[in-house]
């Protein structure tokens, strides 16, 4: 479990770094919303850690913890994809129109 937690933690940290590099006035709200969702999942994860200790390492709690990590990664990936779309739209609208 410790190795799995380390893997997910490193992956999430890397995705958060990517996300923070993309901050701009156009992306600020979407990033802020994602970070709020991530924080809620982090709070849930802390509760799951307590449940794991109290339950004697119940498999359902372990699966819930893994699912929590996966949800965080999914949120981060989704936001990064949305940011890419925003950047593409901005680039396309700023391109000069070649009409004859």
PDB file of N, CA and C in Angstrom:
ATOM      1  N   UNK A   1       0.828  -1.194   0.000  1.00  0.00           N
ATOM      2  CA  UNK A   1       0.000   0.000   0.000  1.00  0.00           C
ATOM      3  C   UNK A   1       0.869   1.253   0.000  1.00  0.00           C
ATOM      4  N   UNK A   2       1.955   1.203   0.713  1.00  0.00           N
ATOM      5  CA  UNK A   2       2.848   2.357   0.795  1.00  0.00           C
ATOM      6  C   UNK A   2       3.431   2.710  -0.573  1.00  0.00           C
ATOM      7  N   UNK A   3       3.823   1.680  -1.332  1.00  0.00           N
ATOM      8  CA  UNK A   3       4.375   1.925  -2.667  1.00  0.00           C
ATOM      9  C   UNK A   3       3.324   2.523  -3.592  1.00  0.00           C
ATOM     10  N   UNK A   4       2.108   2.039  -3.493  1.00  0.00           N
ATOM     11  CA  UNK A   4       1.013   2.562  -4.308  1.00  0.00           C
ATOM     12  C   UNK A   4       0.753   4.025  -3.957  1.00  0.00           C
ATOM     13  N   UNK A   5       0.731   4.315  -2.667  1.00  0.00           N
ATOM     14  CA  UNK A   5       0.520   5.688  -2.218  1.00  0.00           C
ATOM     15  C   UNK A   5       1.631   6.588  -2.736  1.00  0.00           C
ATOM     16  N   UNK A   6       2.860   6.140  -2.666  1.00  0.00           N
ATOM     17  CA  UNK A   6       3.996   6.933  -3.154  1.00  0.00           C
ATOM     18  C   UNK A   6       3.872   7.199  -4.650  1.00  0.00           C
ATOM     19  N   UNK A   7       3.497   6.168  -5.409  1.00  0.00           N
ATOM     20  CA  UNK A   7       3.338   6.322  -6.854  1.00  0.00           C
ATOM     21  C   UNK A   7       2.283   7.384  -7.174  1.00  0.00           C
ATOM     22  N   UNK A   8       1.113   7.253  -6.549  1.00  0.00           N
ATOM     23  CA  UNK A   8       0.039   8.208  -6.819  1.00  0.00           C
ATOM     24  C   UNK A   8       0.407   9.613  -6.354  1.00  0.00           C
ATOM     25  N   UNK A   9       1.065   9.716  -5.218  1.00  0.00           N
ATOM     26  CA  UNK A   9       1.445  11.026  -4.700  1.00  0.00           C
ATOM     27  C   UNK A   9       2.400  11.732  -5.653  1.00  0.00           C
ATOM     28  N   UNK A  10       3.391  11.031  -6.153  1.00  0.00           N
ATOM     29  CA  UNK A  10       4.350  11.616  -7.099  1.00  0.00           C
ATOM     30  C   UNK A  10       3.637  12.017  -8.395  1.00  0.00           C
ATOM     31  N   UNK A  11       2.766  11.153  -8.882  1.00  0.00           N
ATOM     32  CA  UNK A  11       2.028  11.448 -10.112  1.00  0.00           C
ATOM     33  C   UNK A  11       1.155  12.688  -9.933  1.00  0.00           C
ATOM     34  N   UNK A  12       0.461  12.773  -8.829  1.00  0.00           N
ATOM     35  CA  UNK A  12      -0.407  13.925  -8.557  1.00  0.00           C
ATOM     36  C   UNK A  12       0.426  15.192  -8.423  1.00  0.00           C
ATOM     37  N   UNK A  13       1.543  15.116  -7.724  1.00  0.00           N
ATOM     38  CA  UNK A  13       2.418  16.290  -7.588  1.00  0.00           C
ATOM     39  C   UNK A  13       2.912  16.772  -8.943  1.00  0.00           C
ATOM     40  N   UNK A  14       3.278  15.848  -9.818  1.00  0.00           N
ATOM     41  CA  UNK A  14       3.736  16.225 -11.159  1.00  0.00           C
ATOM     42  C   UNK A  14       2.621  16.894 -11.956  1.00  0.00           C
ATOM     43  N   UNK A  15       1.416  16.359 -11.860  1.00  0.00           N
ATOM     44  CA  UNK A  15       0.283  16.944 -12.571  1.00  0.00           C
ATOM     45  C   UNK A  15      -0.048  18.335 -12.003  1.00  0.00           C
ATOM     46  N   UNK A  16       0.060  18.489 -10.704  1.00  0.00           N
ATOM     47  CA  UNK A  16      -0.189  19.799 -10.086  1.00  0.00           C
ATOM     48  C   UNK A  16       0.834  20.834 -10.559  1.00  0.00           C
ATOM     49  N   UNK A  17       2.078  20.423 -10.714  1.00  0.00           N
ATOM     50  CA  UNK A  17       3.111  21.324 -11.225  1.00  0.00           C
ATOM     51  C   UNK A  17       2.770  21.773 -12.643  1.00  0.00           C
ATOM     52  N   UNK A  18       2.348  20.823 -13.476  1.00  0.00           N
ATOM     53  CA  UNK A  18       1.942  21.161 -14.848  1.00  0.00           C
ATOM     54  C   UNK A  18       0.782  22.154 -14.829  1.00  0.00           C
ATOM     55  N   UNK A  19      -0.169  21.878 -13.955  1.00  0.00           N
ATOM     56  CA  UNK A  19      -1.350  22.729 -13.852  1.00  0.00           C
ATOM     57  C   UNK A  19      -0.976  24.147 -13.450  1.00  0.00           C
ATOM     58  N   UNK A  20      -0.117  24.269 -12.464  1.00  0.00           N
ATOM     59  CA  UNK A  20       0.276  25.597 -11.997  1.00  0.00           C
ATOM     60  C   UNK A  20       1.065  26.381 -13.041  1.00  0.00           C
ATOM     61  N   UNK A  21       1.775  25.691 -13.923  1.00  0.00           N
ATOM     62  CA  UNK A  21       2.492  26.363 -15.003  1.00  0.00           C
ATOM     63  C   UNK A  21       1.531  26.961 -16.025  1.00  0.00           C
ATOM     64  N   UNK A  22       0.309  26.471 -16.057  1.00  0.00           N
ATOM     65  CA  UNK A  22      -0.677  26.906 -17.035  1.00  0.00           C
ATOM     66  C   UNK A  22      -1.563  28.045 -16.521  1.00  0.00           C
ATOM     67  N   UNK A  23      -1.256  28.560 -15.356  1.00  0.00           N
ATOM     68  CA  UNK A  23      -2.076  29.645 -14.795  1.00  0.00           C
ATOM     69  C   UNK A  23      -2.022  30.884 -15.681  1.00  0.00           C
ATOM     70  N   UNK A  24      -3.184  31.414 -15.949  1.00  0.00           N
ATOM     71  CA  UNK A  24      -3.324  32.658 -16.694  1.00  0.00           C
ATOM     72  C   UNK A  24      -4.716  33.192 -16.380  1.00  0.00           C
ATOM     73  N   UNK A  25      -5.005  34.416 -16.791  1.00  0.00           N
ATOM     74  CA  UNK A  25      -6.369  34.914 -16.545  1.00  0.00           C
ATOM     75  C   UNK A  25      -7.446  34.024 -17.180  1.00  0.00           C
ATOM     76  N   UNK A  26      -7.125  33.409 -18.300  1.00  0.00           N
ATOM     77  CA  UNK A  26      -8.101  32.542 -18.975  1.00  0.00           C
ATOM     78  C   UNK A  26      -8.315  31.219 -18.254  1.00  0.00           C
ATOM     79  N   UNK A  27      -7.309  30.747 -17.544  1.00  0.00           N
ATOM     80  CA  UNK A  27      -7.388  29.424 -16.920  1.00  0.00           C
ATOM     81  C   UNK A  27      -7.555  29.475 -15.398  1.00  0.00           C
ATOM     82  N   UNK A  28      -7.494  30.646 -14.827  1.00  0.00           N
ATOM     83  CA  UNK A  28      -7.498  30.767 -13.368  1.00  0.00           C
ATOM     84  C   UNK A  28      -8.711  30.099 -12.722  1.00  0.00           C
ATOM     85  N   UNK A  29      -9.898  30.349 -13.243  1.00  0.00           N
ATOM     86  CA  UNK A  29     -11.108  29.811 -12.621  1.00  0.00           C
ATOM     87  C   UNK A  29     -11.161  28.285 -12.694  1.00  0.00           C
ATOM     88  N   UNK A  30     -10.816  27.753 -13.833  1.00  0.00           N
ATOM     89  CA  UNK A  30     -10.860  26.290 -13.998  1.00  0.00           C
ATOM     90  C   UNK A  30      -9.817  25.618 -13.093  1.00  0.00           C
ATOM     91  N   UNK A  31      -8.668  26.244 -12.935  1.00  0.00           N
ATOM     92  CA  UNK A  31      -7.628  25.691 -12.054  1.00  0.00           C
ATOM     93  C   UNK A  31      -8.079  25.782 -10.599  1.00  0.00           C
ATOM     94  N   UNK A  32      -8.635  26.916 -10.219  1.00  0.00           N
ATOM     95  CA  UNK A  32      -9.114  27.089  -8.845  1.00  0.00           C
ATOM     96  C   UNK A  32     -10.185  26.057  -8.512  1.00  0.00           C
ATOM     97  N   UNK A  33     -11.130  25.862  -9.439  1.00  0.00           N
ATOM     98  CA  UNK A  33     -12.183  24.867  -9.220  1.00  0.00           C
ATOM     99  C   UNK A  33     -11.598  23.464  -9.054  1.00  0.00           C
ATOM    100  N   UNK A  34     -10.625  23.134  -9.876  1.00  0.00           N
ATOM    101  CA  UNK A  34      -9.993  21.814  -9.788  1.00  0.00           C
ATOM    102  C   UNK A  34      -9.283  21.637  -8.451  1.00  0.00           C
ATOM    103  N   UNK A  35      -8.603  22.671  -8.006  1.00  0.00           N
ATOM    104  CA  UNK A  35      -7.877  22.571  -6.736  1.00  0.00           C
ATOM    105  C   UNK A  35      -8.829  22.410  -5.560  1.00  0.00           C
ATOM    106  N   UNK A  36     -10.006  23.012  -5.649  1.00  0.00           N
ATOM    107  CA  UNK A  36     -11.021  22.825  -4.601  1.00  0.00           C
ATOM    108  C   UNK A  36     -11.470  21.362  -4.588  1.00  0.00           C
ATOM    109  N   UNK A  37     -11.711  20.795  -5.766  1.00  0.00           N
ATOM    110  CA  UNK A  37     -12.106  19.390  -5.847  1.00  0.00           C
ATOM    111  C   UNK A  37     -11.009  18.473  -5.307  1.00  0.00           C
ATOM    112  N   UNK A  38      -9.761  18.800  -5.647  1.00  0.00           N
ATOM    113  CA  UNK A  38      -8.627  18.001  -5.158  1.00  0.00           C
ATOM    114  C   UNK A  38      -8.551  18.071  -3.636  1.00  0.00           C
ATOM    115  N   UNK A  39      -8.774  19.248  -3.086  1.00  0.00           N
ATOM    116  CA  UNK A  39      -8.719  19.411  -1.632  1.00  0.00           C
ATOM    117  C   UNK A  39      -9.819  18.598  -0.948  1.00  0.00           C
ATOM    118  N   UNK A  40     -11.005  18.575  -1.542  1.00  0.00           N
ATOM    119  CA  UNK A  40     -12.090  17.762  -0.976  1.00  0.00           C
ATOM    120  C   UNK A  40     -11.719  16.286  -0.986  1.00  0.00           C
ATOM    121  N   UNK A  41     -11.111  15.838  -2.074  1.00  0.00           N
ATOM    122  CA  UNK A  41     -10.672  14.443  -2.148  1.00  0.00           C
ATOM    123  C   UNK A  41      -9.561  14.152  -1.146  1.00  0.00           C
ATOM    124  N   UNK A  42      -8.689  15.130  -0.918  1.00  0.00           N
ATOM    125  CA  UNK A  42      -7.622  14.960   0.079  1.00  0.00           C
ATOM    126  C   UNK A  42      -8.228  14.807   1.474  1.00  0.00           C
ATOM    127  N   UNK A  43      -9.243  15.587   1.768  1.00  0.00           N
ATOM    128  CA  UNK A  43      -9.928  15.484   3.060  1.00  0.00           C
ATOM    129  C   UNK A  43     -10.569  14.102   3.206  1.00  0.00           C
ATOM    130  N   UNK A  44     -11.235  13.649   2.138  1.00  0.00           N
ATOM    131  CA  UNK A  44     -11.824  12.307   2.160  1.00  0.00           C
ATOM    132  C   UNK A  44     -10.745  11.241   2.363  1.00  0.00           C
ATOM    133  N   UNK A  45      -9.597  11.426   1.726  1.00  0.00           N
ATOM    134  CA  UNK A  45      -8.506  10.454   1.837  1.00  0.00           C
ATOM    135  C   UNK A  45      -8.019  10.349   3.283  1.00  0.00           C
ATOM    136  N   UNK A  46      -7.928  11.477   3.952  1.00  0.00           N
ATOM    137  CA  UNK A  46      -7.491  11.455   5.352  1.00  0.00           C
ATOM    138  C   UNK A  46      -8.468  10.640   6.204  1.00  0.00           C
ATOM    139  N   UNK A  47      -9.754  10.787   5.911  1.00  0.00           N
ATOM    140  CA  UNK A  47     -10.757   9.990   6.633  1.00  0.00           C
ATOM    141  C   UNK A  47     -10.589   8.507   6.313  1.00  0.00           C
ATOM    142  N   UNK A  48     -10.304   8.206   5.055  1.00  0.00           N
ATOM    143  CA  UNK A  48     -10.103   6.813   4.663  1.00  0.00           C
ATOM    144  C   UNK A  48      -8.892   6.205   5.367  1.00  0.00           C
ATOM    145  N   UNK A  49      -7.839   7.006   5.544  1.00  0.00           N
ATOM    146  CA  UNK A  49      -6.662   6.502   6.264  1.00  0.00           C
ATOM    147  C   UNK A  49      -7.034   6.103   7.690  1.00  0.00           C
ATOM    148  N   UNK A  50      -7.859   6.928   8.313  1.00  0.00           N
ATOM    149  CA  UNK A  50      -8.321   6.610   9.662  1.00  0.00           C
ATOM    150  C   UNK A  50      -9.172   5.342   9.642  1.00  0.00           C
ATOM    151  N   UNK A  51     -10.069   5.267   8.650  1.00  0.00           N
ATOM    152  CA  UNK A  51     -10.922   4.073   8.514  1.00  0.00           C
ATOM    153  C   UNK A  51     -10.083   2.819   8.304  1.00  0.00           C
ATOM    154  N   UNK A  52      -9.027   2.949   7.535  1.00  0.00           N
ATOM    155  CA  UNK A  52      -8.169   1.800   7.254  1.00  0.00           C
ATOM    156  C   UNK A  52      -7.555   1.267   8.542  1.00  0.00           C
ATOM    157  N   UNK A  53      -7.080   2.165   9.368  1.00  0.00           N
ATOM    158  CA  UNK A  53      -6.472   1.760  10.637  1.00  0.00           C
ATOM    159  C   UNK A  53      -7.516   1.093  11.536  1.00  0.00           C
ATOM    160  N   UNK A  54      -8.702   1.701  11.582  1.00  0.00           N
ATOM    161  CA  UNK A  54      -9.752   1.187  12.466  1.00  0.00           C
ATOM    162  C   UNK A  54     -10.359  -0.118  11.951  1.00  0.00           C
ATOM    163  N   UNK A  55     -10.349  -0.313  10.636  1.00  0.00           N
ATOM    164  CA  UNK A  55     -11.006  -1.492  10.062  1.00  0.00           C
ATOM    165  C   UNK A  55     -10.084  -2.705   9.964  1.00  0.00           C
ATOM    166  N   UNK A  56      -8.837  -2.534  10.327  1.00  0.00           N
ATOM    167  CA  UNK A  56      -7.900  -3.652  10.209  1.00  0.00           C
ATOM    168  C   UNK A  56      -7.539  -3.926   8.766  1.00  0.00           C
ATOM    169  N   UNK A  57      -7.358  -2.863   8.009  1.00  0.00           N
ATOM    170  CA  UNK A  57      -6.946  -2.941   6.604  1.00  0.00           C
ATOM    171  C   UNK A  57      -7.976  -3.655   5.724  1.00  0.00           C
ATOM    172  N   UNK A  58      -9.220  -3.243   5.881  1.00  0.00           N
ATOM    173  CA  UNK A  58     -10.314  -3.766   5.085  1.00  0.00           C
ATOM    174  C   UNK A  58     -10.089  -3.457   3.606  1.00  0.00           C
ATOM    175  N   UNK A  59     -10.284  -4.464   2.743  1.00  0.00           N
ATOM    176  CA  UNK A  59     -10.046  -4.318   1.296  1.00  0.00           C
ATOM    177  C   UNK A  59     -10.885  -3.202   0.681  1.00  0.00           C
ATOM    178  N   UNK A  60     -12.127  -3.059   1.129  1.00  0.00           N
ATOM    179  CA  UNK A  60     -12.989  -2.012   0.561  1.00  0.00           C
ATOM    180  C   UNK A  60     -12.423  -0.620   0.826  1.00  0.00           C
ATOM    181  N   UNK A  61     -11.830  -0.434   1.968  1.00  0.00           N
ATOM    182  CA  UNK A  61     -11.230   0.861   2.292  1.00  0.00           C
ATOM    183  C   UNK A  61     -10.006   1.092   1.411  1.00  0.00           C
ATOM    184  N   UNK A  62      -9.222   0.051   1.214  1.00  0.00           N
ATOM    185  CA  UNK A  62      -8.044   0.162   0.342  1.00  0.00           C
ATOM    186  C   UNK A  62      -8.466   0.520  -1.078  1.00  0.00           C
ATOM    187  N   UNK A  63      -9.506  -0.147  -1.585  1.00  0.00           N
ATOM    188  CA  UNK A  63      -9.999   0.171  -2.930  1.00  0.00           C
ATOM    189  C   UNK A  63     -10.524   1.600  -3.000  1.00  0.00           C
ATOM    190  N   UNK A  64     -11.179   2.053  -1.948  1.00  0.00           N
ATOM    191  CA  UNK A  64     -11.681   3.430  -1.906  1.00  0.00           C
ATOM    192  C   UNK A  64     -10.517   4.427  -1.922  1.00  0.00           C
ATOM    193  N   UNK A  65      -9.430   4.090  -1.251  1.00  0.00           N
ATOM    194  CA  UNK A  65      -8.258   4.965  -1.235  1.00  0.00           C
ATOM    195  C   UNK A  65      -7.641   5.053  -2.633  1.00  0.00           C
ATOM    196  N   UNK A  66      -7.537   3.916  -3.299  1.00  0.00           N
ATOM    197  CA  UNK A  66      -6.984   3.896  -4.649  1.00  0.00           C
ATOM    198  C   UNK A  66      -7.891   4.674  -5.597  1.00  0.00           C
ATOM    199  N   UNK A  67      -9.181   4.483  -5.453  1.00  0.00           N
ATOM    200  CA  UNK A  67     -10.158   5.199  -6.274  1.00  0.00           C
ATOM    201  C   UNK A  67     -10.044   6.706  -6.052  1.00  0.00           C
ATOM    202  N   UNK A  68      -9.813   7.100  -4.816  1.00  0.00           N
ATOM    203  CA  UNK A  68      -9.639   8.512  -4.486  1.00  0.00           C
ATOM    204  C   UNK A  68      -8.447   9.097  -5.251  1.00  0.00           C
ATOM    205  N   UNK A  69      -7.335   8.377  -5.239  1.00  0.00           N
ATOM    206  CA  UNK A  69      -6.157   8.836  -5.986  1.00  0.00           C
ATOM    207  C   UNK A  69      -6.464   8.926  -7.481  1.00  0.00           C
ATOM    208  N   UNK A  70      -7.130   7.915  -8.004  1.00  0.00           N
ATOM    209  CA  UNK A  70      -7.460   7.911  -9.428  1.00  0.00           C
ATOM    210  C   UNK A  70      -8.377   9.077  -9.787  1.00  0.00           C
ATOM    211  N   UNK A  71      -9.318   9.384  -8.910  1.00  0.00           N
ATOM    212  CA  UNK A  71     -10.208  10.524  -9.144  1.00  0.00           C
ATOM    213  C   UNK A  71      -9.432  11.834  -9.207  1.00  0.00           C
ATOM    214  N   UNK A  72      -8.460  11.977  -8.327  1.00  0.00           N
ATOM    215  CA  UNK A  72      -7.645  13.194  -8.347  1.00  0.00           C
ATOM    216  C   UNK A  72      -6.875  13.318  -9.659  1.00  0.00           C
ATOM    217  N   UNK A  73      -6.288  12.223 -10.091  1.00  0.00           N
ATOM    218  CA  UNK A  73      -5.528  12.235 -11.343  1.00  0.00           C
ATOM    219  C   UNK A  73      -6.464  12.521 -12.516  1.00  0.00           C
ATOM    220  N   UNK A  74      -7.650  11.924 -12.499  1.00  0.00           N
ATOM    221  CA  UNK A  74      -8.625  12.172 -13.568  1.00  0.00           C
ATOM    222  C   UNK A  74      -9.013  13.652 -13.635  1.00  0.00           C
ATOM    223  N   UNK A  75      -9.236  14.260 -12.486  1.00  0.00           N
ATOM    224  CA  UNK A  75      -9.578  15.685 -12.442  1.00  0.00           C
ATOM    225  C   UNK A  75      -8.444  16.506 -13.043  1.00  0.00           C
ATOM    226  N   UNK A  76      -7.219  16.227 -12.617  1.00  0.00           N
ATOM    227  CA  UNK A  76      -6.075  16.989 -13.115  1.00  0.00           C
ATOM    228  C   UNK A  76      -5.903  16.811 -14.618  1.00  0.00           C
ATOM    229  N   UNK A  77      -6.025  15.591 -15.096  1.00  0.00           N
ATOM    230  CA  UNK A  77      -5.896  15.346 -16.536  1.00  0.00           C
ATOM    231  C   UNK A  77      -6.999  16.051 -17.315  1.00  0.00           C
ATOM    232  N   UNK A  78      -8.196  16.005 -16.801  1.00  0.00           N
ATOM    233  CA  UNK A  78      -9.326  16.659 -17.464  1.00  0.00           C
ATOM    234  C   UNK A  78      -9.104  18.170 -17.559  1.00  0.00           C
ATOM    235  N   UNK A  79      -8.639  18.757 -16.483  1.00  0.00           N
ATOM    236  CA  UNK A  79      -8.391  20.203 -16.482  1.00  0.00           C
ATOM    237  C   UNK A  79      -7.259  20.555 -17.441  1.00  0.00           C
ATOM    238  N   UNK A  80      -6.219  19.752 -17.467  1.00  0.00           N
ATOM    239  CA  UNK A  80      -5.120  20.014 -18.405  1.00  0.00           C
ATOM    240  C   UNK A  80      -5.606  19.920 -19.856  1.00  0.00           C
ATOM    241  N   UNK A  81      -6.490  18.981 -20.129  1.00  0.00           N
ATOM    242  CA  UNK A  81      -7.062  18.873 -21.474  1.00  0.00           C
ATOM    243  C   UNK A  81      -7.913  20.108 -21.797  1.00  0.00           C
ATOM    244  N   UNK A  82      -8.697  20.558 -20.826  1.00  0.00           N
ATOM    245  CA  UNK A  82      -9.518  21.754 -21.029  1.00  0.00           C
ATOM    246  C   UNK A  82      -8.649  22.985 -21.275  1.00  0.00           C
ATOM    247  N   UNK A  83      -7.551  23.076 -20.571  1.00  0.00           N
ATOM    248  CA  UNK A  83      -6.634  24.200 -20.747  1.00  0.00           C
ATOM    249  C   UNK A  83      -6.041  24.164 -22.152  1.00  0.00           C
ATOM    250  N   UNK A  84      -5.693  22.980 -22.621  1.00  0.00           N
ATOM    251  CA  UNK A  84      -5.171  22.853 -23.991  1.00  0.00           C
ATOM    252  C   UNK A  84      -6.202  23.341 -25.005  1.00  0.00           C
ATOM    253  N   UNK A  85      -7.446  22.984 -24.787  1.00  0.00           N
ATOM    254  CA  UNK A  85      -8.523  23.431 -25.675  1.00  0.00           C
ATOM    255  C   UNK A  85      -8.646  24.951 -25.635  1.00  0.00           C
ATOM    256  N   UNK A  86      -8.587  25.530 -24.458  1.00  0.00           N
ATOM    257  CA  UNK A  86      -8.660  26.987 -24.311  1.00  0.00           C
ATOM    258  C   UNK A  86      -7.512  27.649 -25.056  1.00  0.00           C
ATOM    259  N   UNK A  87      -6.307  27.092 -24.892  1.00  0.00           N
ATOM    260  CA  UNK A  87      -5.137  27.663 -25.574  1.00  0.00           C
ATOM    261  C   UNK A  87      -5.282  27.568 -27.093  1.00  0.00           C
ATOM    262  N   UNK A  88      -5.799  26.435 -27.574  1.00  0.00           N
ATOM    263  CA  UNK A  88      -6.001  26.273 -29.017  1.00  0.00           C
ATOM    264  C   UNK A  88      -7.035  27.266 -29.538  1.00  0.00           C
ATOM    265  N   UNK A  89      -8.119  27.441 -28.806  1.00  0.00           N
ATOM    266  CA  UNK A  89      -9.147  28.391 -29.217  1.00  0.00           C
ATOM    267  C   UNK A  89      -8.599  29.813 -29.251  1.00  0.00           C
ATOM    268  N   UNK A  90      -7.808  30.135 -28.244  1.00  0.00           N
ATOM    269  CA  UNK A  90      -7.213  31.474 -28.195  1.00  0.00           C
ATOM    270  C   UNK A  90      -6.268  31.672 -29.380  1.00  0.00           C
ATOM    271  N   UNK A  91      -5.471  30.681 -29.700  1.00  0.00           N
ATOM    272  CA  UNK A  91      -4.549  30.758 -30.826  1.00  0.00           C
ATOM    273  C   UNK A  91      -5.326  30.910 -32.133  1.00  0.00           C
ATOM    274  N   UNK A  92      -6.375  30.119 -32.285  1.00  0.00           N
ATOM    275  CA  UNK A  92      -7.167  30.176 -33.511  1.00  0.00           C
ATOM    276  C   UNK A  92      -7.886  31.512 -33.679  1.00  0.00           C
ATOM    277  N   UNK A  93      -8.326  32.121 -32.595  1.00  0.00           N
ATOM    278  CA  UNK A  93      -9.021  33.401 -32.714  1.00  0.00           C
ATOM    279  C   UNK A  93      -8.049  34.545 -32.914  1.00  0.00           C
ATOM    280  N   UNK A  94      -6.808  34.353 -32.549  1.00  0.00           N
ATOM    281  CA  UNK A  94      -5.811  35.413 -32.721  1.00  0.00           C
ATOM    282  C   UNK A  94      -5.077  35.325 -34.055  1.00  0.00           C
ATOM    283  N   UNK A  95      -5.318  34.263 -34.816  1.00  0.00           N
ATOM    284  CA  UNK A  95      -4.651  34.124 -36.100  1.00  0.00           C
ATOM    285  C   UNK A  95      -5.259  35.107 -37.092  1.00  0.00           C
ATOM    286  N   UNK A  96      -4.405  35.711 -37.912  1.00  0.00           N
ATOM    287  CA  UNK A  96      -4.954  36.629 -38.917  1.00  0.00           C
ATOM    288  C   UNK A  96      -5.791  35.855 -39.939  1.00  0.00           C
ATOM    289  N   UNK A  97      -6.851  36.482 -40.361  1.00  0.00           N
ATOM    290  CA  UNK A  97      -7.724  35.858 -41.344  1.00  0.00           C
ATOM    291  C   UNK A  97      -7.224  36.187 -42.745  1.00  0.00           C
ATOM    292  N   UNK A  98      -6.886  35.180 -43.503  1.00  0.00           N
ATOM    293  CA  UNK A  98      -6.412  35.367 -44.881  1.00  0.00           C
ATOM    294  C   UNK A  98      -7.598  35.182 -45.818  1.00  0.00           C
ATOM    295  N   UNK A  99      -8.251  36.270 -46.108  1.00  0.00           N
ATOM    296  CA  UNK A  99      -9.366  36.189 -47.041  1.00  0.00           C
ATOM    297  C   UNK A  99      -9.037  37.036 -48.259  1.00  0.00           C
ATOM    298  N   UNK A 100      -9.469  36.569 -49.367  1.00  0.00           N
ATOM    299  CA  UNK A 100      -9.210  37.300 -50.613  1.00  0.00           C
ATOM    300  C   UNK A 100     -10.513  37.704 -51.232  1.00  0.00           C
TER     301      UNK A 100
END
